Amino acid sequence: MATTAVCPICNESASQVCAGCRDIQYCSQECQEADWCAHKLLCKTFAKMKFPPTQGMVRAIWFPPLGSKPQFLWLQVEQVASAGDIGFKYEARIGR
Protein backbone atom coordinates (compact mmCIF):
# COMPACT_ATOMS: atom_id res chain seq x y z
CA MET A 1 0.00 0.00 0.00
CA ALA A 2 1.52 3.32 -1.07
CA THR A 3 1.48 6.24 1.33
CA THR A 4 1.02 9.85 0.34
CA ALA A 5 3.69 12.27 1.50
CA VAL A 6 2.46 15.06 3.75
CA CYS A 7 3.97 18.54 3.95
CA PRO A 8 5.55 19.08 7.40
CA ILE A 9 4.41 22.72 7.42
CA CYS A 10 0.72 22.61 6.44
CA ASN A 11 -0.12 18.87 6.44
CA GLU A 12 -1.35 19.04 2.84
CA SER A 13 -0.40 16.45 0.22
CA ALA A 14 3.25 16.96 -0.76
CA SER A 15 4.82 16.37 -4.15
CA GLN A 16 8.01 18.50 -4.17
CA VAL A 17 11.10 16.94 -2.62
CA CYS A 18 14.07 18.74 -1.04
CA ALA A 19 16.83 18.76 -3.66
CA GLY A 20 19.54 18.56 -0.98
CA CYS A 21 18.63 15.48 1.05
CA ARG A 22 15.80 14.13 -1.14
CA ASP A 23 14.17 13.03 2.12
CA ILE A 24 11.57 15.68 3.01
CA GLN A 25 8.67 16.60 0.76
CA TYR A 26 6.67 19.82 0.62
CA CYS A 27 3.45 20.91 -1.05
CA SER A 28 4.90 24.22 -2.32
CA GLN A 29 7.97 26.40 -2.56
CA GLU A 30 6.47 28.64 0.13
CA CYS A 31 6.28 25.78 2.66
CA GLN A 32 9.82 24.67 1.82
CA GLU A 33 11.09 28.21 2.41
CA ALA A 34 9.13 28.42 5.68
CA ASP A 35 10.79 25.19 6.90
CA TRP A 36 14.31 26.03 5.72
CA CYS A 37 15.46 27.61 8.99
CA ALA A 38 14.90 24.29 10.81
CA HIS A 39 15.53 21.88 7.92
CA LYS A 40 18.92 23.35 6.95
CA LEU A 41 20.33 22.00 10.23
CA LEU A 42 19.43 18.46 9.17
CA CYS A 43 19.58 18.51 5.37
CA LYS A 44 23.26 17.58 4.78
CA THR A 45 23.21 15.01 7.57
CA PHE A 46 20.07 13.38 6.16
CA ALA A 47 21.80 13.13 2.78
CA LYS A 48 24.84 11.44 4.37
CA MET A 49 22.72 9.12 6.52
CA LYS A 50 20.28 8.11 3.77
CA PHE A 51 20.47 4.35 4.30
CA PRO A 52 20.79 2.54 7.64
CA PRO A 53 23.88 0.39 8.23
CA THR A 54 21.66 -2.61 9.03
CA GLN A 55 17.98 -3.48 8.83
CA GLY A 56 15.82 -2.37 11.74
CA MET A 57 17.69 0.87 12.38
CA VAL A 58 16.21 4.37 12.45
CA ARG A 59 17.80 7.82 12.37
CA ALA A 60 17.76 9.73 15.62
CA ILE A 61 18.97 13.03 16.99
CA TRP A 62 20.50 12.91 20.46
CA PHE A 63 20.77 16.09 22.49
CA PRO A 64 23.51 15.45 25.06
CA PRO A 65 23.35 17.17 28.44
CA LEU A 66 25.08 20.45 29.17
CA GLY A 67 24.28 22.06 25.83
CA SER A 68 26.67 20.08 23.65
CA LYS A 69 25.95 19.96 19.93
CA PRO A 70 23.26 17.47 18.87
CA GLN A 71 24.54 14.18 17.49
CA PHE A 72 22.97 12.26 14.63
CA LEU A 73 23.02 8.50 14.99
CA TRP A 74 21.37 5.25 14.03
CA LEU A 75 19.36 3.34 16.63
CA GLN A 76 18.62 -0.37 16.44
CA VAL A 77 14.95 -0.66 17.34
CA GLU A 78 12.40 -3.34 17.90
CA GLN A 79 8.68 -2.92 18.19
CA VAL A 80 7.35 -3.77 21.63
CA ALA A 81 3.90 -4.09 23.14
CA SER A 82 3.15 -4.16 26.84
CA ALA A 83 0.03 -3.39 28.87
CA GLY A 84 -1.78 -2.33 25.72
CA ASP A 85 0.90 0.18 24.70
CA ILE A 86 2.74 -0.23 21.43
CA GLY A 87 6.05 1.54 20.96
CA PHE A 88 9.68 1.12 20.10
CA LYS A 89 12.67 0.18 22.20
CA TYR A 90 16.17 0.99 21.09
CA GLU A 91 18.91 -1.56 21.45
CA ALA A 92 22.14 0.14 20.40
CA ARG A 93 23.37 3.31 18.83
CA ILE A 94 25.87 3.90 16.12
CA GLY A 95 27.34 7.37 15.58
CA ARG A 96 27.37 9.09 12.27
C-alpha atoms as a PDB file:
ATOM      1  CA  MET A   1       0.000   0.000   0.000  1.00  0.00           C
ATOM      2  CA  ALA A   2       1.519   3.323  -1.073  1.00  0.00           C
ATOM      3  CA  THR A   3       1.480   6.238   1.326  1.00  0.00           C
ATOM      4  CA  THR A   4       1.022   9.846   0.340  1.00  0.00           C
ATOM      5  CA  ALA A   5       3.689  12.273   1.502  1.00  0.00           C
ATOM      6  CA  VAL A   6       2.460  15.057   3.753  1.00  0.00           C
ATOM      7  CA  CYS A   7       3.967  18.539   3.947  1.00  0.00           C
ATOM      8  CA  PRO A   8       5.553  19.076   7.397  1.00  0.00           C
ATOM      9  CA  ILE A   9       4.409  22.718   7.425  1.00  0.00           C
ATOM     10  CA  CYS A  10       0.725  22.614   6.443  1.00  0.00           C
ATOM     11  CA  ASN A  11      -0.118  18.869   6.440  1.00  0.00           C
ATOM     12  CA  GLU A  12      -1.346  19.041   2.839  1.00  0.00           C
ATOM     13  CA  SER A  13      -0.398  16.447   0.225  1.00  0.00           C
ATOM     14  CA  ALA A  14       3.252  16.955  -0.756  1.00  0.00           C
ATOM     15  CA  SER A  15       4.821  16.366  -4.152  1.00  0.00           C
ATOM     16  CA  GLN A  16       8.006  18.495  -4.165  1.00  0.00           C
ATOM     17  CA  VAL A  17      11.102  16.940  -2.622  1.00  0.00           C
ATOM     18  CA  CYS A  18      14.073  18.736  -1.043  1.00  0.00           C
ATOM     19  CA  ALA A  19      16.833  18.764  -3.663  1.00  0.00           C
ATOM     20  CA  GLY A  20      19.537  18.560  -0.985  1.00  0.00           C
ATOM     21  CA  CYS A  21      18.630  15.476   1.047  1.00  0.00           C
ATOM     22  CA  ARG A  22      15.803  14.126  -1.139  1.00  0.00           C
ATOM     23  CA  ASP A  23      14.168  13.033   2.122  1.00  0.00           C
ATOM     24  CA  ILE A  24      11.571  15.683   3.009  1.00  0.00           C
ATOM     25  CA  GLN A  25       8.666  16.596   0.760  1.00  0.00           C
ATOM     26  CA  TYR A  26       6.673  19.822   0.620  1.00  0.00           C
ATOM     27  CA  CYS A  27       3.451  20.907  -1.053  1.00  0.00           C
ATOM     28  CA  SER A  28       4.896  24.216  -2.317  1.00  0.00           C
ATOM     29  CA  GLN A  29       7.971  26.404  -2.557  1.00  0.00           C
ATOM     30  CA  GLU A  30       6.465  28.639   0.133  1.00  0.00           C
ATOM     31  CA  CYS A  31       6.275  25.782   2.655  1.00  0.00           C
ATOM     32  CA  GLN A  32       9.822  24.671   1.817  1.00  0.00           C
ATOM     33  CA  GLU A  33      11.094  28.208   2.411  1.00  0.00           C
ATOM     34  CA  ALA A  34       9.128  28.423   5.678  1.00  0.00           C
ATOM     35  CA  ASP A  35      10.792  25.194   6.896  1.00  0.00           C
ATOM     36  CA  TRP A  36      14.314  26.033   5.717  1.00  0.00           C
ATOM     37  CA  CYS A  37      15.457  27.613   8.993  1.00  0.00           C
ATOM     38  CA  ALA A  38      14.904  24.291  10.807  1.00  0.00           C
ATOM     39  CA  HIS A  39      15.529  21.884   7.922  1.00  0.00           C
ATOM     40  CA  LYS A  40      18.922  23.349   6.951  1.00  0.00           C
ATOM     41  CA  LEU A  41      20.326  21.999  10.233  1.00  0.00           C
ATOM     42  CA  LEU A  42      19.433  18.459   9.171  1.00  0.00           C
ATOM     43  CA  CYS A  43      19.581  18.515   5.372  1.00  0.00           C
ATOM     44  CA  LYS A  44      23.259  17.575   4.784  1.00  0.00           C
ATOM     45  CA  THR A  45      23.207  15.015   7.571  1.00  0.00           C
ATOM     46  CA  PHE A  46      20.070  13.383   6.163  1.00  0.00           C
ATOM     47  CA  ALA A  47      21.803  13.130   2.777  1.00  0.00           C
ATOM     48  CA  LYS A  48      24.842  11.441   4.367  1.00  0.00           C
ATOM     49  CA  MET A  49      22.716   9.123   6.515  1.00  0.00           C
ATOM     50  CA  LYS A  50      20.281   8.105   3.773  1.00  0.00           C
ATOM     51  CA  PHE A  51      20.468   4.354   4.303  1.00  0.00           C
ATOM     52  CA  PRO A  52      20.788   2.542   7.641  1.00  0.00           C
ATOM     53  CA  PRO A  53      23.880   0.387   8.234  1.00  0.00           C
ATOM     54  CA  THR A  54      21.656  -2.615   9.032  1.00  0.00           C
ATOM     55  CA  GLN A  55      17.983  -3.483   8.826  1.00  0.00           C
ATOM     56  CA  GLY A  56      15.818  -2.375  11.741  1.00  0.00           C
ATOM     57  CA  MET A  57      17.687   0.868  12.385  1.00  0.00           C
ATOM     58  CA  VAL A  58      16.206   4.368  12.452  1.00  0.00           C
ATOM     59  CA  ARG A  59      17.798   7.819  12.366  1.00  0.00           C
ATOM     60  CA  ALA A  60      17.762   9.730  15.618  1.00  0.00           C
ATOM     61  CA  ILE A  61      18.970  13.031  16.988  1.00  0.00           C
ATOM     62  CA  TRP A  62      20.496  12.909  20.458  1.00  0.00           C
ATOM     63  CA  PHE A  63      20.770  16.092  22.488  1.00  0.00           C
ATOM     64  CA  PRO A  64      23.512  15.451  25.057  1.00  0.00           C
ATOM     65  CA  PRO A  65      23.351  17.167  28.443  1.00  0.00           C
ATOM     66  CA  LEU A  66      25.081  20.446  29.169  1.00  0.00           C
ATOM     67  CA  GLY A  67      24.280  22.058  25.834  1.00  0.00           C
ATOM     68  CA  SER A  68      26.671  20.081  23.652  1.00  0.00           C
ATOM     69  CA  LYS A  69      25.953  19.955  19.927  1.00  0.00           C
ATOM     70  CA  PRO A  70      23.259  17.468  18.871  1.00  0.00           C
ATOM     71  CA  GLN A  71      24.537  14.181  17.494  1.00  0.00           C
ATOM     72  CA  PHE A  72      22.970  12.257  14.630  1.00  0.00           C
ATOM     73  CA  LEU A  73      23.016   8.496  14.989  1.00  0.00           C
ATOM     74  CA  TRP A  74      21.368   5.246  14.034  1.00  0.00           C
ATOM     75  CA  LEU A  75      19.359   3.336  16.630  1.00  0.00           C
ATOM     76  CA  GLN A  76      18.620  -0.369  16.444  1.00  0.00           C
ATOM     77  CA  VAL A  77      14.952  -0.658  17.338  1.00  0.00           C
ATOM     78  CA  GLU A  78      12.404  -3.340  17.898  1.00  0.00           C
ATOM     79  CA  GLN A  79       8.682  -2.917  18.192  1.00  0.00           C
ATOM     80  CA  VAL A  80       7.348  -3.766  21.632  1.00  0.00           C
ATOM     81  CA  ALA A  81       3.903  -4.093  23.136  1.00  0.00           C
ATOM     82  CA  SER A  82       3.149  -4.162  26.845  1.00  0.00           C
ATOM     83  CA  ALA A  83       0.034  -3.391  28.868  1.00  0.00           C
ATOM     84  CA  GLY A  84      -1.778  -2.328  25.722  1.00  0.00           C
ATOM     85  CA  ASP A  85       0.901   0.178  24.699  1.00  0.00           C
ATOM     86  CA  ILE A  86       2.740  -0.227  21.425  1.00  0.00           C
ATOM     87  CA  GLY A  87       6.045   1.539  20.958  1.00  0.00           C
ATOM     88  CA  PHE A  88       9.679   1.120  20.099  1.00  0.00           C
ATOM     89  CA  LYS A  89      12.670   0.182  22.199  1.00  0.00           C
ATOM     90  CA  TYR A  90      16.171   0.993  21.088  1.00  0.00           C
ATOM     91  CA  GLU A  91      18.912  -1.557  21.448  1.00  0.00           C
ATOM     92  CA  ALA A  92      22.136   0.139  20.403  1.00  0.00           C
ATOM     93  CA  ARG A  93      23.371   3.313  18.833  1.00  0.00           C
ATOM     94  CA  ILE A  94      25.870   3.903  16.123  1.00  0.00           C
ATOM     95  CA  GLY A  95      27.340   7.369  15.578  1.00  0.00           C
ATOM     96  CA  ARG A  96      27.371   9.091  12.267  1.00  0.00           C
END
